[in-house]
PDB file of N, CA and C in Angstrom:
ATOM      1  N   MET A   1      39.545   2.233 -17.883  1.00  0.00           N
ATOM      2  CA  MET A   1      39.088   1.081 -17.410  1.00  0.00           C
ATOM      3  C   MET A   1      38.648   1.175 -15.841  1.00  0.00           C
ATOM      4  N   GLU A   2      39.401   2.301 -15.327  1.00  0.00           N
ATOM      5  CA  GLU A   2      38.997   2.348 -13.767  1.00  0.00           C
ATOM      6  C   GLU A   2      37.590   2.993 -13.671  1.00  0.00           C
ATOM      7  N   LEU A   3      37.463   3.804 -14.558  1.00  0.00           N
ATOM      8  CA  LEU A   3      36.134   4.741 -14.219  1.00  0.00           C
ATOM      9  C   LEU A   3      35.013   3.697 -14.729  1.00  0.00           C
ATOM     10  N   LEU A   4      35.462   2.748 -15.268  1.00  0.00           N
ATOM     11  CA  LEU A   4      34.074   1.835 -15.725  1.00  0.00           C
ATOM     12  C   LEU A   4      33.768   0.789 -14.792  1.00  0.00           C
ATOM     13  N   THR A   5      34.918   0.508 -14.062  1.00  0.00           N
ATOM     14  CA  THR A   5      34.878  -0.286 -12.681  1.00  0.00           C
ATOM     15  C   THR A   5      34.315   0.420 -11.328  1.00  0.00           C
ATOM     16  N   VAL A   6      34.152   1.831 -11.648  1.00  0.00           N
ATOM     17  CA  VAL A   6      33.778   2.640 -10.439  1.00  0.00           C
ATOM     18  C   VAL A   6      32.344   2.666 -10.731  1.00  0.00           C
ATOM     19  N   MET A   7      31.983   2.941 -12.177  1.00  0.00           N
ATOM     20  CA  MET A   7      30.630   2.997 -12.434  1.00  0.00           C
ATOM     21  C   MET A   7      29.759   1.869 -12.108  1.00  0.00           C
ATOM     22  N   MET A   8      30.513   0.600 -12.367  1.00  0.00           N
ATOM     23  CA  MET A   8      29.656  -0.678 -12.155  1.00  0.00           C
ATOM     24  C   MET A   8      29.435  -0.980 -10.708  1.00  0.00           C
ATOM     25  N   GLN A   9      30.490  -0.756  -9.768  1.00  0.00           N
ATOM     26  CA  GLN A   9      30.637  -0.707  -8.699  1.00  0.00           C
ATOM     27  C   GLN A   9      29.279   0.307  -7.794  1.00  0.00           C
ATOM     28  N   ALA A  10      29.389   1.369  -8.450  1.00  0.00           N
ATOM     29  CA  ALA A  10      28.017   2.641  -7.984  1.00  0.00           C
ATOM     30  C   ALA A  10      26.556   2.065  -8.286  1.00  0.00           C
ATOM     31  N   ALA A  11      26.749   1.228  -9.668  1.00  0.00           N
ATOM     32  CA  ALA A  11      25.306   0.811 -10.097  1.00  0.00           C
ATOM     33  C   ALA A  11      24.815  -0.437  -9.350  1.00  0.00           C
ATOM     34  N   GLU A  12      25.816  -1.257  -8.834  1.00  0.00           N
ATOM     35  CA  GLU A  12      25.497  -2.306  -7.842  1.00  0.00           C
ATOM     36  C   GLU A  12      24.869  -1.973  -6.718  1.00  0.00           C
ATOM     37  N   GLN A  13      25.466  -0.779  -5.842  1.00  0.00           N
ATOM     38  CA  GLN A  13      25.428  -0.178  -4.881  1.00  0.00           C
ATOM     39  C   GLN A  13      23.808   0.440  -5.040  1.00  0.00           C
ATOM     40  N   ALA A  14      23.668   1.320  -5.912  1.00  0.00           N
ATOM     41  CA  ALA A  14      22.157   1.803  -6.317  1.00  0.00           C
ATOM     42  C   ALA A  14      21.128   0.531  -6.365  1.00  0.00           C
ATOM     43  N   SER A  15      21.401  -0.329  -7.163  1.00  0.00           N
ATOM     44  CA  SER A  15      20.635  -1.826  -7.058  1.00  0.00           C
ATOM     45  C   SER A  15      20.079  -2.133  -5.731  1.00  0.00           C
ATOM     46  N   GLY A  16      21.078  -2.097  -4.928  1.00  0.00           N
ATOM     47  CA  GLY A  16      20.779  -2.455  -3.627  1.00  0.00           C
ATOM     48  C   GLY A  16      19.962  -1.421  -2.526  1.00  0.00           C
ATOM     49  N   LEU A  17      20.114  -0.497  -2.976  1.00  0.00           N
ATOM     50  CA  LEU A  17      19.310   0.799  -2.439  1.00  0.00           C
ATOM     51  C   LEU A  17      17.721   0.823  -2.936  1.00  0.00           C
ATOM     52  N   ALA A  18      17.772   0.494  -4.469  1.00  0.00           N
ATOM     53  CA  ALA A  18      16.590   0.358  -5.013  1.00  0.00           C
ATOM     54  C   ALA A  18      15.717  -0.462  -4.623  1.00  0.00           C
ATOM     55  N   LYS A  19      16.307  -1.918  -4.168  1.00  0.00           N
ATOM     56  CA  LYS A  19      15.664  -3.189  -3.516  1.00  0.00           C
ATOM     57  C   LYS A  19      14.890  -2.845  -2.113  1.00  0.00           C
ATOM     58  N   ALA A  20      15.873  -2.092  -1.292  1.00  0.00           N
ATOM     59  CA  ALA A  20      15.556  -2.159  -0.181  1.00  0.00           C
ATOM     60  C   ALA A  20      14.496  -0.975  -0.234  1.00  0.00           C
ATOM     61  N   GLY A  21      14.562   0.051  -1.255  1.00  0.00           N
ATOM     62  CA  GLY A  21      13.366   0.906  -1.203  1.00  0.00           C
ATOM     63  C   GLY A  21      12.108   0.233  -1.487  1.00  0.00           C
ATOM     64  N   GLY A  22      12.098  -0.590  -2.573  1.00  0.00           N
ATOM     65  CA  GLY A  22      10.941  -1.454  -2.980  1.00  0.00           C
ATOM     66  C   GLY A  22      10.452  -2.255  -1.912  1.00  0.00           C
ATOM     67  N   ALA A  23      11.208  -2.795  -1.077  1.00  0.00           N
ATOM     68  CA  ALA A  23      10.749  -3.525   0.185  1.00  0.00           C
ATOM     69  C   ALA A  23      10.044  -2.628   1.310  1.00  0.00           C
ATOM     70  N   VAL A  24      10.918  -1.588   1.619  1.00  0.00           N
ATOM     71  CA  VAL A  24      10.130  -0.526   2.513  1.00  0.00           C
ATOM     72  C   VAL A  24       8.751   0.034   1.981  1.00  0.00           C
ATOM     73  N   GLY A  25       8.549   0.154   0.584  1.00  0.00           N
ATOM     74  CA  GLY A  25       7.665   0.930   0.347  1.00  0.00           C
ATOM     75  C   GLY A  25       6.451  -0.098   0.010  1.00  0.00           C
ATOM     76  N   ALA A  26       6.620  -1.406  -0.303  1.00  0.00           N
ATOM     77  CA  ALA A  26       5.436  -2.304  -0.026  1.00  0.00           C
ATOM     78  C   ALA A  26       5.212  -2.800   1.291  1.00  0.00           C
ATOM     79  N   GLY A  27       5.852  -2.539   2.255  1.00  0.00           N
ATOM     80  CA  GLY A  27       5.450  -2.554   3.465  1.00  0.00           C
ATOM     81  C   GLY A  27       4.773  -1.418   3.996  1.00  0.00           C
ATOM     82  N   ILE A  28       5.032  -0.192   3.591  1.00  0.00           N
ATOM     83  CA  ILE A  28       4.235   1.032   3.962  1.00  0.00           C
ATOM     84  C   ILE A  28       2.900   0.771   3.259  1.00  0.00           C
ATOM     85  N   ALA A  29       2.930   0.374   2.060  1.00  0.00           N
ATOM     86  CA  ALA A  29       1.742   0.190   1.499  1.00  0.00           C
ATOM     87  C   ALA A  29       0.488  -0.556   2.165  1.00  0.00           C
ATOM     88  N   ALA A  30       1.023  -1.843   2.418  1.00  0.00           N
ATOM     89  CA  ALA A  30       0.212  -2.867   3.310  1.00  0.00           C
ATOM     90  C   ALA A  30      -0.094  -2.265   4.707  1.00  0.00           C
ATOM     91  N   ILE A  31       0.694  -1.721   5.397  1.00  0.00           N
ATOM     92  CA  ILE A  31       0.363  -1.003   6.478  1.00  0.00           C
ATOM     93  C   ILE A  31      -0.654   0.208   6.389  1.00  0.00           C
ATOM     94  N   ALA A  32      -0.487   1.054   5.447  1.00  0.00           N
ATOM     95  CA  ALA A  32      -1.452   2.075   5.305  1.00  0.00           C
ATOM     96  C   ALA A  32      -2.928   1.564   4.818  1.00  0.00           C
ATOM     97  N   ALA A  33      -3.006   0.385   4.032  1.00  0.00           N
ATOM     98  CA  ALA A  33      -4.063  -0.245   3.698  1.00  0.00           C
ATOM     99  C   ALA A  33      -4.975  -1.015   4.824  1.00  0.00           C
ATOM    100  N   GLY A  34      -4.161  -1.387   5.798  1.00  0.00           N
ATOM    101  CA  GLY A  34      -4.775  -1.981   7.070  1.00  0.00           C
ATOM    102  C   GLY A  34      -5.236  -0.649   7.678  1.00  0.00           C
ATOM    103  N   ILE A  35      -4.393   0.674   8.040  1.00  0.00           N
ATOM    104  CA  ILE A  35      -5.394   1.537   8.651  1.00  0.00           C
ATOM    105  C   ILE A  35      -6.347   2.279   8.032  1.00  0.00           C
ATOM    106  N   GLY A  36      -6.280   2.235   6.769  1.00  0.00           N
ATOM    107  CA  GLY A  36      -7.142   3.029   5.671  1.00  0.00           C
ATOM    108  C   GLY A  36      -8.742   2.045   6.020  1.00  0.00           C
ATOM    109  N   VAL A  37      -8.501   0.757   5.811  1.00  0.00           N
ATOM    110  CA  VAL A  37      -9.734  -0.174   6.141  1.00  0.00           C
ATOM    111  C   VAL A  37     -10.084   0.000   7.585  1.00  0.00           C
ATOM    112  N   GLY A  38      -9.373   0.167   8.634  1.00  0.00           N
ATOM    113  CA  GLY A  38      -9.767   0.294   9.978  1.00  0.00           C
ATOM    114  C   GLY A  38     -10.532   1.475  10.140  1.00  0.00           C
ATOM    115  N   ASN A  39      -9.991   2.433   9.550  1.00  0.00           N
ATOM    116  CA  ASN A  39     -10.974   3.852   9.597  1.00  0.00           C
ATOM    117  C   ASN A  39     -12.236   3.979   9.057  1.00  0.00           C
ATOM    118  N   ILE A  40     -12.213   3.008   7.884  1.00  0.00           N
ATOM    119  CA  ILE A  40     -13.663   3.071   7.033  1.00  0.00           C
ATOM    120  C   ILE A  40     -14.637   2.300   8.152  1.00  0.00           C
ATOM    121  N   GLY A  41     -14.061   1.042   8.504  1.00  0.00           N
ATOM    122  CA  GLY A  41     -14.938   0.219   9.399  1.00  0.00           C
ATOM    123  C   GLY A  41     -15.429   1.087  10.835  1.00  0.00           C
ATOM    124  N   LYS A  42     -14.576   1.623  11.245  1.00  0.00           N
ATOM    125  CA  LYS A  42     -14.927   2.426  12.309  1.00  0.00           C
ATOM    126  C   LYS A  42     -15.914   3.568  12.129  1.00  0.00           C
ATOM    127  N   SER A  43     -15.553   4.262  11.202  1.00  0.00           N
ATOM    128  CA  SER A  43     -16.752   5.353  10.696  1.00  0.00           C
ATOM    129  C   SER A  43     -17.883   4.630  10.302  1.00  0.00           C
ATOM    130  N   ALA A  44     -17.748   3.612   9.689  1.00  0.00           N
ATOM    131  CA  ALA A  44     -19.303   2.844   9.445  1.00  0.00           C
ATOM    132  C   ALA A  44     -19.927   2.390  10.714  1.00  0.00           C
ATOM    133  N   LEU A  45     -19.452   1.698  11.511  1.00  0.00           N
ATOM    134  CA  LEU A  45     -19.840   1.318  12.849  1.00  0.00           C
ATOM    135  C   LEU A  45     -20.298   2.647  13.400  1.00  0.00           C
ATOM    136  N   GLU A  46     -19.484   3.671  13.604  1.00  0.00           N
ATOM    137  CA  GLU A  46     -20.295   4.976  14.478  1.00  0.00           C
ATOM    138  C   GLU A  46     -21.643   5.395  13.677  1.00  0.00           C
ATOM    139  N   SER A  47     -21.510   5.278  12.226  1.00  0.00           N
ATOM    140  CA  SER A  47     -22.695   5.821  11.460  1.00  0.00           C
ATOM    141  C   SER A  47     -24.069   4.877  12.000  1.00  0.00           C
ATOM    142  N   ILE A  48     -23.446   3.753  11.719  1.00  0.00           N
ATOM    143  CA  ILE A  48     -24.677   2.710  11.820  1.00  0.00           C
ATOM    144  C   ILE A  48     -25.278   2.999  13.258  1.00  0.00           C
ATOM    145  N   ALA A  49     -24.554   3.133  14.220  1.00  0.00           N
ATOM    146  CA  ALA A  49     -25.016   3.252  15.644  1.00  0.00           C
ATOM    147  C   ALA A  49     -25.819   4.789  15.685  1.00  0.00           C
ATOM    148  N   ARG A  50     -25.467   5.903  14.971  1.00  0.00           N
ATOM    149  CA  ARG A  50     -26.220   6.812  14.886  1.00  0.00           C
ATOM    150  C   ARG A  50     -27.425   6.827  14.193  1.00  0.00           C
ATOM    151  N   GLN A  51     -27.382   6.204  13.171  1.00  0.00           N
ATOM    152  CA  GLN A  51     -28.784   5.980  12.328  1.00  0.00           C
ATOM    153  C   GLN A  51     -28.975   4.640  11.706  1.00  0.00           C
ATOM    154  N   PRO A  52     -29.241   3.723  12.780  1.00  0.00           N
ATOM    155  CA  PRO A  52     -29.699   2.228  12.574  1.00  0.00           C
ATOM    156  C   PRO A  52     -30.495   2.006  11.412  1.00  0.00           C
ATOM    157  N   GLU A  53     -31.139   2.745  10.810  1.00  0.00           N
ATOM    158  CA  GLU A  53     -32.200   2.579   9.665  1.00  0.00           C
ATOM    159  C   GLU A  53     -31.528   2.443   8.423  1.00  0.00           C
ATOM    160  N   ALA A  54     -30.472   3.444   8.388  1.00  0.00           N
ATOM    161  CA  ALA A  54     -29.569   3.368   7.293  1.00  0.00           C
ATOM    162  C   ALA A  54     -28.344   2.216   7.306  1.00  0.00           C
ATOM    163  N   ALA A  55     -28.389   1.223   7.843  1.00  0.00           N
ATOM    164  CA  ALA A  55     -27.732   0.163   8.139  1.00  0.00           C
ATOM    165  C   ALA A  55     -27.014  -0.427   6.709  1.00  0.00           C
ATOM    166  N   ASN A  56     -27.940  -0.649   5.941  1.00  0.00           N
ATOM    167  CA  ASN A  56     -27.905  -1.609   4.865  1.00  0.00           C
ATOM    168  C   ASN A  56     -26.718  -0.670   3.734  1.00  0.00           C
ATOM    169  N   GLU A  57     -27.312   0.657   3.917  1.00  0.00           N
ATOM    170  CA  GLU A  57     -26.840   1.623   2.792  1.00  0.00           C
ATOM    171  C   GLU A  57     -25.219   1.788   3.110  1.00  0.00           C
ATOM    172  N   ILE A  58     -25.321   2.025   4.644  1.00  0.00           N
ATOM    173  CA  ILE A  58     -23.645   2.294   4.981  1.00  0.00           C
ATOM    174  C   ILE A  58     -23.068   1.154   4.609  1.00  0.00           C
ATOM    175  N   ARG A  59     -23.321  -0.112   5.059  1.00  0.00           N
ATOM    176  CA  ARG A  59     -22.717  -1.218   4.880  1.00  0.00           C
ATOM    177  C   ARG A  59     -22.159  -1.552   3.361  1.00  0.00           C
ATOM    178  N   ALA A  60     -23.157  -1.131   2.441  1.00  0.00           N
ATOM    179  CA  ALA A  60     -22.709  -1.305   1.026  1.00  0.00           C
ATOM    180  C   ALA A  60     -21.520  -0.393   0.757  1.00  0.00           C
ATOM    181  N   ASN A  61     -21.806   0.760   1.146  1.00  0.00           N
ATOM    182  CA  ASN A  61     -20.698   1.796   0.706  1.00  0.00           C
ATOM    183  C   ASN A  61     -19.359   1.559   1.582  1.00  0.00           C
ATOM    184  N   MET A  62     -19.451   1.040   2.886  1.00  0.00           N
ATOM    185  CA  MET A  62     -18.312   0.642   3.514  1.00  0.00           C
ATOM    186  C   MET A  62     -17.797  -0.659   2.698  1.00  0.00           C
ATOM    187  N   ILE A  63     -18.172  -1.540   1.963  1.00  0.00           N
ATOM    188  CA  ILE A  63     -17.610  -2.463   1.440  1.00  0.00           C
ATOM    189  C   ILE A  63     -16.959  -1.911   0.151  1.00  0.00           C
ATOM    190  N   LEU A  64     -17.685  -1.024  -0.538  1.00  0.00           N
ATOM    191  CA  LEU A  64     -17.025  -0.332  -1.772  1.00  0.00           C
ATOM    192  C   LEU A  64     -15.762   0.314  -1.360  1.00  0.00           C
ATOM    193  N   ALA A  65     -15.788   1.073  -0.491  1.00  0.00           N
ATOM    194  CA  ALA A  65     -14.694   2.038  -0.118  1.00  0.00           C
ATOM    195  C   ALA A  65     -13.653   0.935   0.265  1.00  0.00           C
ATOM    196  N   ALA A  66     -13.811   0.189   1.289  1.00  0.00           N
ATOM    197  CA  ALA A  66     -12.800  -0.976   1.423  1.00  0.00           C
ATOM    198  C   ALA A  66     -12.053  -1.489   0.393  1.00  0.00           C
ATOM    199  N   ALA A  67     -12.681  -1.999  -0.677  1.00  0.00           N
ATOM    200  CA  ALA A  67     -12.260  -2.508  -2.069  1.00  0.00           C
ATOM    201  C   ALA A  67     -11.308  -1.604  -2.632  1.00  0.00           C
ATOM    202  N   LEU A  68     -11.935  -0.488  -2.698  1.00  0.00           N
ATOM    203  CA  LEU A  68     -11.021   0.622  -3.394  1.00  0.00           C
ATOM    204  C   LEU A  68      -9.772   0.631  -2.907  1.00  0.00           C
ATOM    205  N   VAL A  69      -9.662   0.851  -1.510  1.00  0.00           N
ATOM    206  CA  VAL A  69      -8.362   1.193  -0.590  1.00  0.00           C
ATOM    207  C   VAL A  69      -7.582  -0.163  -0.897  1.00  0.00           C
ATOM    208  N   GLU A  70      -8.113  -1.283  -0.666  1.00  0.00           N
ATOM    209  CA  GLU A  70      -7.240  -2.755  -1.119  1.00  0.00           C
ATOM    210  C   GLU A  70      -6.809  -2.695  -2.345  1.00  0.00           C
ATOM    211  N   GLY A  71      -7.426  -2.127  -3.302  1.00  0.00           N
ATOM    212  CA  GLY A  71      -6.891  -2.100  -4.742  1.00  0.00           C
ATOM    213  C   GLY A  71      -5.819  -1.418  -4.866  1.00  0.00           C
ATOM    214  N   VAL A  72      -6.093  -0.233  -4.679  1.00  0.00           N
ATOM    215  CA  VAL A  72      -4.696   1.032  -4.482  1.00  0.00           C
ATOM    216  C   VAL A  72      -3.744   0.336  -3.666  1.00  0.00           C
ATOM    217  N   ALA A  73      -3.773  -0.492  -2.737  1.00  0.00           N
ATOM    218  CA  ALA A  73      -2.726  -1.085  -1.719  1.00  0.00           C
ATOM    219  C   ALA A  73      -2.052  -1.961  -2.473  1.00  0.00           C
ATOM    220  N   LEU A  74      -2.823  -2.828  -3.229  1.00  0.00           N
ATOM    221  CA  LEU A  74      -2.288  -3.949  -4.230  1.00  0.00           C
ATOM    222  C   LEU A  74      -1.532  -3.331  -5.419  1.00  0.00           C
ATOM    223  N   PHE A  75      -1.599  -2.290  -5.800  1.00  0.00           N
ATOM    224  CA  PHE A  75      -0.794  -1.690  -6.880  1.00  0.00           C
ATOM    225  C   PHE A  75       0.312  -1.276  -5.852  1.00  0.00           C
ATOM    226  N   GLY A  76       0.279  -0.954  -4.887  1.00  0.00           N
ATOM    227  CA  GLY A  76       1.705  -0.105  -4.253  1.00  0.00           C
ATOM    228  C   GLY A  76       2.342  -1.501  -3.737  1.00  0.00           C
ATOM    229  N   VAL A  77       1.648  -2.671  -3.373  1.00  0.00           N
ATOM    230  CA  VAL A  77       2.854  -3.720  -2.926  1.00  0.00           C
ATOM    231  C   VAL A  77       3.482  -4.329  -4.227  1.00  0.00           C
ATOM    232  N   ILE A  78       2.670  -4.381  -5.263  1.00  0.00           N
ATOM    233  CA  ILE A  78       2.959  -5.105  -6.477  1.00  0.00           C
ATOM    234  C   ILE A  78       4.348  -4.227  -7.175  1.00  0.00           C
ATOM    235  N   ALA A  79       4.055  -2.915  -7.114  1.00  0.00           N
ATOM    236  CA  ALA A  79       5.267  -1.873  -7.599  1.00  0.00           C
ATOM    237  C   ALA A  79       6.411  -1.940  -6.626  1.00  0.00           C
ATOM    238  N   GLY A  80       6.359  -2.279  -5.460  1.00  0.00           N
ATOM    239  CA  GLY A  80       7.321  -2.468  -4.239  1.00  0.00           C
ATOM    240  C   GLY A  80       8.026  -3.702  -4.902  1.00  0.00           C
ATOM    241  N   LEU A  81       7.295  -4.926  -4.749  1.00  0.00           N
ATOM    242  CA  LEU A  81       7.999  -6.221  -5.163  1.00  0.00           C
ATOM    243  C   LEU A  81       8.608  -6.021  -6.419  1.00  0.00           C
ATOM    244  N   LEU A  82       8.168  -5.324  -7.572  1.00  0.00           N
ATOM    245  CA  LEU A  82       8.946  -5.401  -8.784  1.00  0.00           C
ATOM    246  C   LEU A  82      10.145  -4.722  -8.764  1.00  0.00           C
ATOM    247  N   ALA A  83      10.075  -3.644  -7.784  1.00  0.00           N
ATOM    248  CA  ALA A  83      11.343  -2.946  -7.353  1.00  0.00           C
ATOM    249  C   ALA A  83      12.294  -3.756  -6.883  1.00  0.00           C
ATOM    250  N   VAL A  84      11.889  -4.877  -6.022  1.00  0.00           N
ATOM    251  CA  VAL A  84      12.699  -5.549  -5.438  1.00  0.00           C
ATOM    252  C   VAL A  84      13.432  -6.709  -6.530  1.00  0.00           C
ATOM    253  N   VAL A  85      12.530  -7.347  -7.399  1.00  0.00           N
ATOM    254  CA  VAL A  85      12.762  -8.277  -8.162  1.00  0.00           C
ATOM    255  C   VAL A  85      13.677  -7.672  -9.403  1.00  0.00           C
ATOM    256  N   LEU A  86      13.471  -6.725  -9.897  1.00  0.00           N
ATOM    257  CA  LEU A  86      13.887  -6.188 -11.313  1.00  0.00           C
ATOM    258  C   LEU A  86      14.907  -5.391 -10.823  1.00  0.00           C
TER     259      LEU A  86
END
């Protein structure tokens, strides 16, 4: 019976660590997405400044790349929140 009690306590502590890890992971995913979209915007503005005639193509590619980064970040945030909830 003592072994079962010790194992239950260890499982509760591990559950708490998993929840904390999930929360930290969700936060990191959100921060990384912000940095990624910022870098995409910065690069697009520099490209448009160098080649103004290609502004429409650069803008379209920038929006596509930012959407892909946000999609991956959304998966990371959801996975982190699922670790907190479940």
